[in-house]
Amino acid sequence: MKCTIFTGNMLVVQDAFNTWAKGKALTREVIIHTHVTFNPQHFFAEQAAIVVFHPEGEPWERTRKHLVAPVHDHPVPHIKVEEAQVTA
């Protein structure tokens, strides 16, 4: 078994965990523990920790890359360079 920990602001931790867990089978072998702490002086300053115990192996070690814009690894045949117009 191996342990992966995500800590920080609540929304950042949720996004990091969801990105890491995408495409992985969260079965009985995976134990997920979430702990959230609040600061009474600063209501929106909650801190979170997500602790995941999972099996060892290659699919659990990698995180899929997060794309913000579409990336084409090969040219698209139906679009020609002459037809593509770039405007500023």
Protein backbone atom coordinates (compact mmCIF):
# COMPACT_ATOMS: atom_id res chain seq x y z
CA MET A 1 0.00 0.00 0.00
CA LYS A 2 1.07 3.53 -0.69
CA CYS A 3 -0.16 6.89 0.60
CA THR A 4 -0.86 10.08 -1.37
CA ILE A 5 -1.75 13.28 0.51
CA PHE A 6 -3.36 16.43 -0.88
CA THR A 7 -3.33 19.48 1.44
CA GLY A 8 -4.18 23.15 1.16
CA ASN A 9 -7.21 25.29 0.47
CA MET A 10 -10.44 23.30 0.15
CA LEU A 11 -11.13 24.04 -3.53
CA VAL A 12 -7.51 23.55 -4.59
CA VAL A 13 -7.34 20.21 -2.78
CA GLN A 14 -10.58 19.02 -4.39
CA ASP A 15 -9.35 19.95 -7.86
CA ALA A 16 -5.98 18.26 -7.29
CA PHE A 17 -7.62 15.08 -6.02
CA ASN A 18 -10.15 14.97 -8.86
CA THR A 19 -7.37 15.44 -11.42
CA TRP A 20 -5.33 12.66 -9.81
CA ALA A 21 -8.30 10.26 -9.48
CA LYS A 22 -9.60 10.72 -13.03
CA GLY A 23 -9.47 7.39 -14.85
CA LYS A 24 -8.56 5.37 -11.76
CA ALA A 25 -10.83 2.69 -10.33
CA LEU A 26 -11.61 3.66 -6.74
CA THR A 27 -12.37 0.15 -5.45
CA ARG A 28 -12.33 -1.48 -2.02
CA GLU A 29 -8.55 -1.45 -2.05
CA VAL A 30 -8.54 2.36 -1.95
CA ILE A 31 -9.11 4.14 1.37
CA ILE A 32 -9.89 7.87 1.21
CA HIS A 33 -9.92 10.01 4.35
CA THR A 34 -10.90 13.68 4.24
CA HIS A 35 -10.26 16.15 7.04
CA VAL A 36 -11.38 19.81 6.96
CA THR A 37 -10.47 22.47 9.54
CA PHE A 38 -12.09 25.88 9.88
CA ASN A 39 -10.67 29.04 11.41
CA PRO A 40 -13.37 30.92 13.36
CA GLN A 41 -11.71 34.31 12.70
CA HIS A 42 -11.51 33.77 8.93
CA PHE A 43 -14.57 31.92 7.68
CA PHE A 44 -13.31 31.39 4.14
CA ALA A 45 -9.84 30.20 5.20
CA GLU A 46 -10.73 26.51 5.52
CA GLN A 47 -7.92 24.03 5.09
CA ALA A 48 -8.39 20.48 3.85
CA ALA A 49 -6.39 17.30 3.70
CA ILE A 50 -7.32 14.32 1.56
CA VAL A 51 -5.32 11.21 2.43
CA VAL A 52 -5.54 8.32 -0.04
CA PHE A 53 -4.18 4.83 0.65
CA HIS A 54 -3.90 2.94 -2.62
CA PRO A 55 -2.09 -0.06 -4.15
CA GLU A 56 1.35 0.37 -5.60
CA GLY A 57 1.79 0.35 -9.35
CA GLU A 58 2.16 2.51 -12.43
CA PRO A 59 -1.46 3.64 -12.90
CA TRP A 60 -1.57 4.98 -9.34
CA GLU A 61 1.72 6.88 -9.63
CA ARG A 62 0.84 9.06 -12.59
CA THR A 63 -1.53 11.95 -12.98
CA ARG A 64 -3.12 12.71 -16.32
CA LYS A 65 -1.96 15.99 -17.76
CA HIS A 66 -4.50 18.76 -17.45
CA LEU A 67 -5.12 20.50 -20.75
CA VAL A 68 -6.49 24.01 -20.82
CA ALA A 69 -6.68 24.29 -24.61
CA PRO A 70 -7.12 21.60 -27.24
CA VAL A 71 -3.80 20.20 -28.45
CA HIS A 72 -3.61 18.36 -31.76
CA ASP A 73 -0.81 15.82 -31.98
CA HIS A 74 -1.34 15.34 -35.71
CA PRO A 75 -2.66 17.64 -38.44
CA VAL A 76 -6.40 17.72 -39.08
CA PRO A 77 -6.94 16.74 -42.73
CA HIS A 78 -10.09 18.78 -43.41
CA ILE A 79 -8.52 22.19 -42.56
CA LYS A 80 -6.04 23.67 -45.00
CA VAL A 81 -3.51 26.36 -44.10
CA GLU A 82 -4.98 28.67 -46.76
CA GLU A 83 -8.45 28.40 -45.18
CA ALA A 84 -7.31 29.19 -41.65
CA GLN A 85 -7.50 32.91 -41.07
CA VAL A 86 -5.94 34.50 -38.03
CA THR A 87 -7.35 37.83 -36.91
CA ALA A 88 -5.84 40.07 -34.28
